[in-house]
PDB file of N, CA and C in Angstrom:
ATOM      1  N   MET A   1      27.130  19.686  -9.082  1.00  0.00           N
ATOM      2  CA  MET A   1      25.953  20.346  -7.575  1.00  0.00           C
ATOM      3  C   MET A   1      26.713  19.930  -6.412  1.00  0.00           C
ATOM      4  N   ALA A   2      28.081  19.462  -5.736  1.00  0.00           N
ATOM      5  CA  ALA A   2      28.338  19.453  -4.830  1.00  0.00           C
ATOM      6  C   ALA A   2      28.709  20.628  -4.252  1.00  0.00           C
ATOM      7  N   LEU A   3      28.328  21.400  -2.806  1.00  0.00           N
ATOM      8  CA  LEU A   3      28.986  22.389  -3.091  1.00  0.00           C
ATOM      9  C   LEU A   3      30.747  22.657  -1.610  1.00  0.00           C
ATOM     10  N   ARG A   4      31.099  20.971  -1.869  1.00  0.00           N
ATOM     11  CA  ARG A   4      32.534  21.324  -0.993  1.00  0.00           C
ATOM     12  C   ARG A   4      33.461  21.942  -1.731  1.00  0.00           C
ATOM     13  N   ARG A   5      33.914  21.295  -2.737  1.00  0.00           N
ATOM     14  CA  ARG A   5      35.096  21.850  -3.466  1.00  0.00           C
ATOM     15  C   ARG A   5      34.407  23.622  -3.705  1.00  0.00           C
ATOM     16  N   PHE A   6      33.567  24.038  -3.948  1.00  0.00           N
ATOM     17  CA  PHE A   6      33.768  25.490  -3.830  1.00  0.00           C
ATOM     18  C   PHE A   6      33.839  26.195  -2.243  1.00  0.00           C
ATOM     19  N   PHE A   7      33.655  25.442  -1.539  1.00  0.00           N
ATOM     20  CA  PHE A   7      34.196  26.032  -0.270  1.00  0.00           C
ATOM     21  C   PHE A   7      35.068  25.069   0.113  1.00  0.00           C
ATOM     22  N   GLY A   8      36.082  24.884  -0.343  1.00  0.00           N
ATOM     23  CA  GLY A   8      37.881  24.080   0.089  1.00  0.00           C
ATOM     24  C   GLY A   8      37.272  22.951   0.579  1.00  0.00           C
ATOM     25  N   PHE A   9      36.516  22.292   0.461  1.00  0.00           N
ATOM     26  CA  PHE A   9      36.138  21.175   1.760  1.00  0.00           C
ATOM     27  C   PHE A   9      37.139  19.833   0.857  1.00  0.00           C
ATOM     28  N   SER A  10      36.519  19.663  -0.154  1.00  0.00           N
ATOM     29  CA  SER A  10      37.158  19.168  -1.440  1.00  0.00           C
ATOM     30  C   SER A  10      38.606  18.941  -2.143  1.00  0.00           C
ATOM     31  N   ASP A  11      39.424  17.563  -1.786  1.00  0.00           N
ATOM     32  CA  ASP A  11      40.917  17.651  -2.980  1.00  0.00           C
ATOM     33  C   ASP A  11      40.396  17.500  -4.487  1.00  0.00           C
ATOM     34  N   GLY A  12      39.241  16.912  -4.560  1.00  0.00           N
ATOM     35  CA  GLY A  12      38.667  16.051  -6.227  1.00  0.00           C
ATOM     36  C   GLY A  12      38.974  14.568  -6.101  1.00  0.00           C
ATOM     37  N   GLU A  13      39.296  14.279  -5.334  1.00  0.00           N
ATOM     38  CA  GLU A  13      40.179  12.303  -5.116  1.00  0.00           C
ATOM     39  C   GLU A  13      38.726  11.707  -4.494  1.00  0.00           C
ATOM     40  N   LEU A  14      38.923  10.056  -5.376  1.00  0.00           N
ATOM     41  CA  LEU A  14      37.830   9.351  -5.574  1.00  0.00           C
ATOM     42  C   LEU A  14      37.744   8.731  -3.855  1.00  0.00           C
ATOM     43  N   MET A  15      35.986   8.440  -3.945  1.00  0.00           N
ATOM     44  CA  MET A  15      36.359   8.114  -2.360  1.00  0.00           C
ATOM     45  C   MET A  15      36.186   6.095  -2.335  1.00  0.00           C
ATOM     46  N   ARG A  16      36.677   6.134  -1.110  1.00  0.00           N
ATOM     47  CA  ARG A  16      36.604   4.205  -1.279  1.00  0.00           C
ATOM     48  C   ARG A  16      35.656   2.936  -2.329  1.00  0.00           C
ATOM     49  N   SER A  17      35.374   2.444  -2.399  1.00  0.00           N
ATOM     50  CA  SER A  17      34.630   1.908  -3.190  1.00  0.00           C
ATOM     51  C   SER A  17      33.364   1.342  -2.084  1.00  0.00           C
ATOM     52  N   ASP A  18      34.021   1.052  -1.268  1.00  0.00           N
ATOM     53  CA  ASP A  18      32.592   0.398  -0.644  1.00  0.00           C
ATOM     54  C   ASP A  18      31.948   1.044   0.757  1.00  0.00           C
ATOM     55  N   ALA A  19      32.143   2.914   0.553  1.00  0.00           N
ATOM     56  CA  ALA A  19      31.161   3.973   0.594  1.00  0.00           C
ATOM     57  C   ALA A  19      30.013   3.478   0.101  1.00  0.00           C
ATOM     58  N   LYS A  20      28.752   4.637   0.635  1.00  0.00           N
ATOM     59  CA  LYS A  20      27.438   4.222   0.534  1.00  0.00           C
ATOM     60  C   LYS A  20      27.692   5.296  -0.838  1.00  0.00           C
ATOM     61  N   PRO A  21      27.170   5.256  -1.797  1.00  0.00           N
ATOM     62  CA  PRO A  21      26.827   5.699  -3.595  1.00  0.00           C
ATOM     63  C   PRO A  21      25.409   6.938  -2.782  1.00  0.00           C
ATOM     64  N   CYS A  22      25.425   8.241  -3.636  1.00  0.00           N
ATOM     65  CA  CYS A  22      24.667   9.258  -3.045  1.00  0.00           C
ATOM     66  C   CYS A  22      23.533   9.015  -3.297  1.00  0.00           C
ATOM     67  N   SER A  23      22.967   8.116  -4.224  1.00  0.00           N
ATOM     68  CA  SER A  23      20.985   8.181  -4.263  1.00  0.00           C
ATOM     69  C   SER A  23      20.783   7.145  -3.388  1.00  0.00           C
ATOM     70  N   ARG A  24      21.883   6.460  -2.617  1.00  0.00           N
ATOM     71  CA  ARG A  24      21.316   5.846  -1.481  1.00  0.00           C
ATOM     72  C   ARG A  24      21.226   6.533  -0.225  1.00  0.00           C
ATOM     73  N   LEU A  25      22.084   6.931  -0.074  1.00  0.00           N
ATOM     74  CA  LEU A  25      22.457   7.747   0.790  1.00  0.00           C
ATOM     75  C   LEU A  25      20.947   9.239   0.411  1.00  0.00           C
ATOM     76  N   MET A  26      20.708   9.913   0.055  1.00  0.00           N
ATOM     77  CA  MET A  26      19.998  10.805  -0.173  1.00  0.00           C
ATOM     78  C   MET A  26      18.640  10.015   0.344  1.00  0.00           C
ATOM     79  N   ARG A  27      18.741   8.839  -0.806  1.00  0.00           N
ATOM     80  CA  ARG A  27      17.116   8.378   0.201  1.00  0.00           C
ATOM     81  C   ARG A  27      17.326   7.817   1.088  1.00  0.00           C
ATOM     82  N   GLN A  28      17.981   7.253   1.832  1.00  0.00           N
ATOM     83  CA  GLN A  28      17.618   6.851   3.136  1.00  0.00           C
ATOM     84  C   GLN A  28      17.257   7.724   3.823  1.00  0.00           C
ATOM     85  N   THR A  29      18.055   8.700   4.473  1.00  0.00           N
ATOM     86  CA  THR A  29      18.422  10.260   5.006  1.00  0.00           C
ATOM     87  C   THR A  29      16.771  10.576   4.994  1.00  0.00           C
ATOM     88  N   ALA A  30      16.235  10.944   3.363  1.00  0.00           N
ATOM     89  CA  ALA A  30      15.291  11.934   3.690  1.00  0.00           C
ATOM     90  C   ALA A  30      13.964  10.648   3.709  1.00  0.00           C
ATOM     91  N   GLY A  31      14.326   8.859   4.264  1.00  0.00           N
ATOM     92  CA  GLY A  31      12.952   8.154   4.604  1.00  0.00           C
ATOM     93  C   GLY A  31      13.327   8.695   5.605  1.00  0.00           C
ATOM     94  N   ILE A  32      14.720   8.824   6.324  1.00  0.00           N
ATOM     95  CA  ILE A  32      14.597   8.187   8.241  1.00  0.00           C
ATOM     96  C   ILE A  32      13.930  10.136   9.153  1.00  0.00           C
ATOM     97  N   PHE A  33      14.137  11.423   7.983  1.00  0.00           N
ATOM     98  CA  PHE A  33      13.863  12.433   7.983  1.00  0.00           C
ATOM     99  C   PHE A  33      12.528  12.841   7.744  1.00  0.00           C
ATOM    100  N   THR A  34      11.705  11.762   6.348  1.00  0.00           N
ATOM    101  CA  THR A  34      10.246  12.080   6.919  1.00  0.00           C
ATOM    102  C   THR A  34       9.536  11.382   8.368  1.00  0.00           C
ATOM    103  N   VAL A  35       9.985  10.727   9.047  1.00  0.00           N
ATOM    104  CA  VAL A  35       9.061  10.306  10.169  1.00  0.00           C
ATOM    105  C   VAL A  35       9.472  11.285  11.233  1.00  0.00           C
ATOM    106  N   GLY A  36      10.248  12.060  11.441  1.00  0.00           N
ATOM    107  CA  GLY A  36      11.301  12.986  12.353  1.00  0.00           C
ATOM    108  C   GLY A  36      10.662  14.186  12.298  1.00  0.00           C
ATOM    109  N   GLY A  37       9.830  14.463  11.032  1.00  0.00           N
ATOM    110  CA  GLY A  37       9.646  15.566  10.305  1.00  0.00           C
ATOM    111  C   GLY A  37       8.569  15.494  10.620  1.00  0.00           C
ATOM    112  N   ALA A  38       7.512  14.618  10.295  1.00  0.00           N
ATOM    113  CA  ALA A  38       6.171  14.271  10.686  1.00  0.00           C
ATOM    114  C   ALA A  38       5.227  14.227  12.662  1.00  0.00           C
ATOM    115  N   LEU A  39       6.513  13.920  12.674  1.00  0.00           N
ATOM    116  CA  LEU A  39       6.400  14.317  14.197  1.00  0.00           C
ATOM    117  C   LEU A  39       6.265  15.485  14.554  1.00  0.00           C
ATOM    118  N   GLY A  40       8.028  16.136  14.324  1.00  0.00           N
ATOM    119  CA  GLY A  40       7.989  17.637  14.766  1.00  0.00           C
ATOM    120  C   GLY A  40       6.786  18.310  14.434  1.00  0.00           C
ATOM    121  N   PHE A  41       6.357  18.383  13.150  1.00  0.00           N
ATOM    122  CA  PHE A  41       5.271  19.476  12.668  1.00  0.00           C
ATOM    123  C   PHE A  41       4.126  19.163  14.028  1.00  0.00           C
ATOM    124  N   TRP A  42       3.392  17.326  13.537  1.00  0.00           N
ATOM    125  CA  TRP A  42       2.798  17.616  14.352  1.00  0.00           C
ATOM    126  C   TRP A  42       2.430  17.365  15.628  1.00  0.00           C
ATOM    127  N   VAL A  43       3.644  17.320  16.506  1.00  0.00           N
ATOM    128  CA  VAL A  43       3.984  18.424  17.913  1.00  0.00           C
ATOM    129  C   VAL A  43       3.492  20.028  17.718  1.00  0.00           C
ATOM    130  N   LEU A  44       4.095  20.287  17.094  1.00  0.00           N
ATOM    131  CA  LEU A  44       4.344  21.792  17.033  1.00  0.00           C
ATOM    132  C   LEU A  44       2.231  22.366  16.438  1.00  0.00           C
ATOM    133  N   CYS A  45       1.769  21.721  15.533  1.00  0.00           N
ATOM    134  CA  CYS A  45       0.457  21.063  15.344  1.00  0.00           C
ATOM    135  C   CYS A  45      -0.315  21.599  16.638  1.00  0.00           C
ATOM    136  N   ARG A  46       0.101  20.556  17.774  1.00  0.00           N
ATOM    137  CA  ARG A  46      -0.451  20.375  18.401  1.00  0.00           C
ATOM    138  C   ARG A  46      -0.884  21.124  19.717  1.00  0.00           C
ATOM    139  N   LEU A  47       0.751  22.583  20.136  1.00  0.00           N
ATOM    140  CA  LEU A  47       0.652  23.156  20.755  1.00  0.00           C
ATOM    141  C   LEU A  47       0.359  24.644  20.528  1.00  0.00           C
ATOM    142  N   HIS A  48       0.233  24.402  19.188  1.00  0.00           N
ATOM    143  CA  HIS A  48      -0.202  25.776  18.279  1.00  0.00           C
ATOM    144  C   HIS A  48      -1.525  25.872  18.467  1.00  0.00           C
ATOM    145  N   TYR A  49      -2.505  24.941  18.123  1.00  0.00           N
ATOM    146  CA  TYR A  49      -4.064  24.801  18.631  1.00  0.00           C
ATOM    147  C   TYR A  49      -4.465  24.922  19.652  1.00  0.00           C
ATOM    148  N   GLY A  50      -3.848  23.858  20.443  1.00  0.00           N
ATOM    149  CA  GLY A  50      -4.505  24.058  21.854  1.00  0.00           C
ATOM    150  C   GLY A  50      -5.607  22.431  21.821  1.00  0.00           C
ATOM    151  N   PRO A  51      -6.895  22.833  22.478  1.00  0.00           N
ATOM    152  CA  PRO A  51      -7.960  21.997  22.471  1.00  0.00           C
ATOM    153  C   PRO A  51      -7.987  22.199  20.873  1.00  0.00           C
ATOM    154  N   ARG A  52      -7.920  23.274  20.263  1.00  0.00           N
ATOM    155  CA  ARG A  52      -8.462  23.485  18.807  1.00  0.00           C
ATOM    156  C   ARG A  52      -8.732  22.489  17.745  1.00  0.00           C
ATOM    157  N   VAL A  53      -7.317  22.116  17.888  1.00  0.00           N
ATOM    158  CA  VAL A  53      -6.640  20.614  16.947  1.00  0.00           C
ATOM    159  C   VAL A  53      -7.918  19.651  16.429  1.00  0.00           C
ATOM    160  N   THR A  54      -8.305  19.346  15.059  1.00  0.00           N
ATOM    161  CA  THR A  54      -8.932  18.702  14.490  1.00  0.00           C
ATOM    162  C   THR A  54      -7.592  17.632  13.922  1.00  0.00           C
ATOM    163  N   VAL A  55      -8.423  16.652  13.361  1.00  0.00           N
ATOM    164  CA  VAL A  55      -7.802  15.284  12.977  1.00  0.00           C
ATOM    165  C   VAL A  55      -6.742  15.757  11.446  1.00  0.00           C
ATOM    166  N   PRO A  56      -7.548  16.280  10.505  1.00  0.00           N
ATOM    167  CA  PRO A  56      -7.317  16.850   9.190  1.00  0.00           C
ATOM    168  C   PRO A  56      -6.038  18.175   9.256  1.00  0.00           C
ATOM    169  N   ARG A  57      -6.350  18.830  10.107  1.00  0.00           N
ATOM    170  CA  ARG A  57      -5.624  19.810  10.872  1.00  0.00           C
ATOM    171  C   ARG A  57      -4.171  18.950  11.442  1.00  0.00           C
ATOM    172  N   SER A  58      -4.449  18.590  12.000  1.00  0.00           N
ATOM    173  CA  SER A  58      -2.419  17.501  12.742  1.00  0.00           C
ATOM    174  C   SER A  58      -2.378  16.609  11.318  1.00  0.00           C
ATOM    175  N   LEU A  59      -2.824  16.248  10.466  1.00  0.00           N
ATOM    176  CA  LEU A  59      -2.651  15.195   8.884  1.00  0.00           C
ATOM    177  C   LEU A  59      -2.029  15.942   8.364  1.00  0.00           C
ATOM    178  N   ARG A  60      -2.737  16.699   8.587  1.00  0.00           N
ATOM    179  CA  ARG A  60      -1.705  17.986   7.373  1.00  0.00           C
ATOM    180  C   ARG A  60      -0.599  18.747   7.814  1.00  0.00           C
ATOM    181  N   TRP A  61      -0.354  19.315   8.779  1.00  0.00           N
ATOM    182  CA  TRP A  61       0.462  19.814   9.185  1.00  0.00           C
ATOM    183  C   TRP A  61       2.107  18.759   9.382  1.00  0.00           C
ATOM    184  N   ALA A  62       1.126  17.414   9.292  1.00  0.00           N
ATOM    185  CA  ALA A  62       2.246  16.400   9.482  1.00  0.00           C
ATOM    186  C   ALA A  62       2.304  16.073   8.272  1.00  0.00           C
ATOM    187  N   ALA A  63       1.816  16.109   7.278  1.00  0.00           N
ATOM    188  CA  ALA A  63       2.420  15.959   5.850  1.00  0.00           C
ATOM    189  C   ALA A  63       3.277  17.349   5.266  1.00  0.00           C
ATOM    190  N   CYS A  64       2.976  18.173   5.841  1.00  0.00           N
ATOM    191  CA  CYS A  64       3.117  19.004   5.365  1.00  0.00           C
ATOM    192  C   CYS A  64       5.106  19.370   5.890  1.00  0.00           C
ATOM    193  N   GLY A  65       4.968  18.448   7.537  1.00  0.00           N
ATOM    194  CA  GLY A  65       6.305  18.696   7.598  1.00  0.00           C
ATOM    195  C   GLY A  65       7.469  17.246   7.074  1.00  0.00           C
ATOM    196  N   ALA A  66       6.667  16.265   6.267  1.00  0.00           N
ATOM    197  CA  ALA A  66       7.429  15.201   6.133  1.00  0.00           C
ATOM    198  C   ALA A  66       8.198  15.863   4.938  1.00  0.00           C
ATOM    199  N   VAL A  67       7.026  16.561   4.005  1.00  0.00           N
ATOM    200  CA  VAL A  67       7.695  16.533   2.918  1.00  0.00           C
ATOM    201  C   VAL A  67       9.007  17.472   2.854  1.00  0.00           C
ATOM    202  N   SER A  68       8.698  19.000   3.603  1.00  0.00           N
ATOM    203  CA  SER A  68       9.791  20.147   4.003  1.00  0.00           C
ATOM    204  C   SER A  68      10.775  19.231   4.335  1.00  0.00           C
ATOM    205  N   VAL A  69      10.763  18.471   5.790  1.00  0.00           N
ATOM    206  CA  VAL A  69      12.263  18.303   6.278  1.00  0.00           C
ATOM    207  C   VAL A  69      13.018  17.131   5.445  1.00  0.00           C
ATOM    208  N   SER A  70      12.199  16.947   4.954  1.00  0.00           N
ATOM    209  CA  SER A  70      12.564  15.338   4.616  1.00  0.00           C
ATOM    210  C   SER A  70      13.517  15.889   2.844  1.00  0.00           C
ATOM    211  N   THR A  71      13.098  16.747   1.813  1.00  0.00           N
ATOM    212  CA  THR A  71      13.428  17.255   0.910  1.00  0.00           C
ATOM    213  C   THR A  71      14.758  18.259   0.965  1.00  0.00           C
ATOM    214  N   SER A  72      14.546  19.041   2.354  1.00  0.00           N
ATOM    215  CA  SER A  72      15.201  19.923   2.585  1.00  0.00           C
ATOM    216  C   SER A  72      17.145  19.175   2.755  1.00  0.00           C
ATOM    217  N   THR A  73      16.457  18.035   3.977  1.00  0.00           N
ATOM    218  CA  THR A  73      17.831  17.276   4.201  1.00  0.00           C
ATOM    219  C   THR A  73      18.231  16.461   3.467  1.00  0.00           C
ATOM    220  N   ALA A  74      17.626  16.266   2.422  1.00  0.00           N
ATOM    221  CA  ALA A  74      18.515  15.490   1.170  1.00  0.00           C
ATOM    222  C   ALA A  74      18.791  16.360   0.418  1.00  0.00           C
ATOM    223  N   LEU A  75      19.012  17.418   0.122  1.00  0.00           N
ATOM    224  CA  LEU A  75      19.181  19.052  -0.211  1.00  0.00           C
ATOM    225  C   LEU A  75      20.804  19.194   0.247  1.00  0.00           C
ATOM    226  N   LEU A  76      20.852  18.718   1.795  1.00  0.00           N
ATOM    227  CA  LEU A  76      22.166  19.169   2.047  1.00  0.00           C
ATOM    228  C   LEU A  76      22.858  18.193   2.372  1.00  0.00           C
ATOM    229  N   VAL A  77      21.993  17.047   2.050  1.00  0.00           N
ATOM    230  CA  VAL A  77      22.825  15.906   1.506  1.00  0.00           C
ATOM    231  C   VAL A  77      23.890  15.841   0.426  1.00  0.00           C
ATOM    232  N   ARG A  78      23.309  16.745  -0.383  1.00  0.00           N
ATOM    233  CA  ARG A  78      22.846  16.018  -2.085  1.00  0.00           C
ATOM    234  C   ARG A  78      24.391  17.319  -2.327  1.00  0.00           C
ATOM    235  N   LEU A  79      24.164  18.680  -1.557  1.00  0.00           N
ATOM    236  CA  LEU A  79      25.218  20.052  -1.343  1.00  0.00           C
ATOM    237  C   LEU A  79      26.704  19.543  -0.750  1.00  0.00           C
ATOM    238  N   PHE A  80      26.464  19.262   0.300  1.00  0.00           N
ATOM    239  CA  PHE A  80      27.302  18.685   1.394  1.00  0.00           C
ATOM    240  C   PHE A  80      28.102  17.581   1.754  1.00  0.00           C
ATOM    241  N   SER A  81      27.429  16.701   0.969  1.00  0.00           N
ATOM    242  CA  SER A  81      28.679  15.250   0.966  1.00  0.00           C
ATOM    243  C   SER A  81      29.321  14.786   0.836  1.00  0.00           C
ATOM    244  N   PRO A  82      30.546  14.305   0.662  1.00  0.00           N
ATOM    245  CA  PRO A  82      31.906  13.991  -0.337  1.00  0.00           C
ATOM    246  C   PRO A  82      31.217  12.755  -0.631  1.00  0.00           C
ATOM    247  N   GLU A  83      30.453  11.566  -0.770  1.00  0.00           N
ATOM    248  CA  GLU A  83      29.441  10.512  -1.910  1.00  0.00           C
ATOM    249  C   GLU A  83      28.983  11.260  -2.432  1.00  0.00           C
ATOM    250  N   CYS A  84      28.758  12.634  -2.550  1.00  0.00           N
ATOM    251  CA  CYS A  84      27.532  13.328  -3.930  1.00  0.00           C
ATOM    252  C   CYS A  84      28.408  14.456  -4.678  1.00  0.00           C
ATOM    253  N   GLU A  85      29.893  13.973  -4.001  1.00  0.00           N
ATOM    254  CA  GLU A  85      31.005  15.571  -5.637  1.00  0.00           C
ATOM    255  C   GLU A  85      30.852  14.652  -7.063  1.00  0.00           C
ATOM    256  N   PRO A  86      31.000  15.060  -7.792  1.00  0.00           N
ATOM    257  CA  PRO A  86      30.681  14.526  -9.498  1.00  0.00           C
ATOM    258  C   PRO A  86      31.748  13.760  -9.642  1.00  0.00           C
ATOM    259  N   GLN A  87      32.780  13.194  -9.016  1.00  0.00           N
ATOM    260  CA  GLN A  87      33.560  12.456  -9.590  1.00  0.00           C
ATOM    261  C   GLN A  87      33.547  11.066  -9.097  1.00  0.00           C
ATOM    262  N   ASN A  88      32.375  11.518  -8.140  1.00  0.00           N
ATOM    263  CA  ASN A  88      32.420   9.984  -7.205  1.00  0.00           C
ATOM    264  C   ASN A  88      30.855   9.827  -7.580  1.00  0.00           C
ATOM    265  N   ILE A  89      30.085  10.869  -7.696  1.00  0.00           N
ATOM    266  CA  ILE A  89      28.768   9.876  -8.857  1.00  0.00           C
ATOM    267  C   ILE A  89      29.075   9.006 -10.097  1.00  0.00           C
ATOM    268  N   ALA A  90      29.547  10.222 -10.392  1.00  0.00           N
ATOM    269  CA  ALA A  90      30.431   9.112 -11.658  1.00  0.00           C
ATOM    270  C   ALA A  90      30.927   7.959 -11.725  1.00  0.00           C
ATOM    271  N   ALA A  91      31.975   7.397 -10.526  1.00  0.00           N
ATOM    272  CA  ALA A  91      32.746   6.929 -10.735  1.00  0.00           C
ATOM    273  C   ALA A  91      31.671   5.764  -9.711  1.00  0.00           C
ATOM    274  N   TYR A  92      30.949   5.712  -9.134  1.00  0.00           N
ATOM    275  CA  TYR A  92      30.340   4.867  -8.023  1.00  0.00           C
ATOM    276  C   TYR A  92      28.164   4.735  -7.967  1.00  0.00           C
ATOM    277  N   ASP A  93      27.945   5.993  -8.057  1.00  0.00           N
ATOM    278  CA  ASP A  93      26.975   5.997  -7.800  1.00  0.00           C
ATOM    279  C   ASP A  93      25.904   5.013  -9.382  1.00  0.00           C
ATOM    280  N   ARG A  94      25.211   4.227  -9.461  1.00  0.00           N
ATOM    281  CA  ARG A  94      24.564   3.325 -10.365  1.00  0.00           C
ATOM    282  C   ARG A  94      23.171   3.840 -10.211  1.00  0.00           C
ATOM    283  N   GLY A  95      22.530   5.087  -9.280  1.00  0.00           N
ATOM    284  CA  GLY A  95      21.025   5.405 -10.442  1.00  0.00           C
ATOM    285  C   GLY A  95      19.525   4.129  -9.028  1.00  0.00           C
ATOM    286  N   LYS A  96      20.713   3.526  -8.608  1.00  0.00           N
ATOM    287  CA  LYS A  96      19.434   2.553  -7.852  1.00  0.00           C
ATOM    288  C   LYS A  96      18.652   3.303  -7.008  1.00  0.00           C
TER     289      LYS A  96
END
């Protein structure tokens, strides 16, 4: 699924054995960007609605931001990270 080979960024070699596996890299990236997405969309909600903002509305915006930003960044990591190339997943990723 990695697009690095398609764009010519990959030479098809294995990465070093001490690098992070793809599944852990995706999980950590999604976790970090969940918080950032929630905070970012909460701020956007406050800017958009101003004094009319309600708690359920701001929580809904924060939840949507957390989900959308974390999934999109995890997908980008999966597509463009050298750890997520097929030969590296087969060799090093245990799916933990």
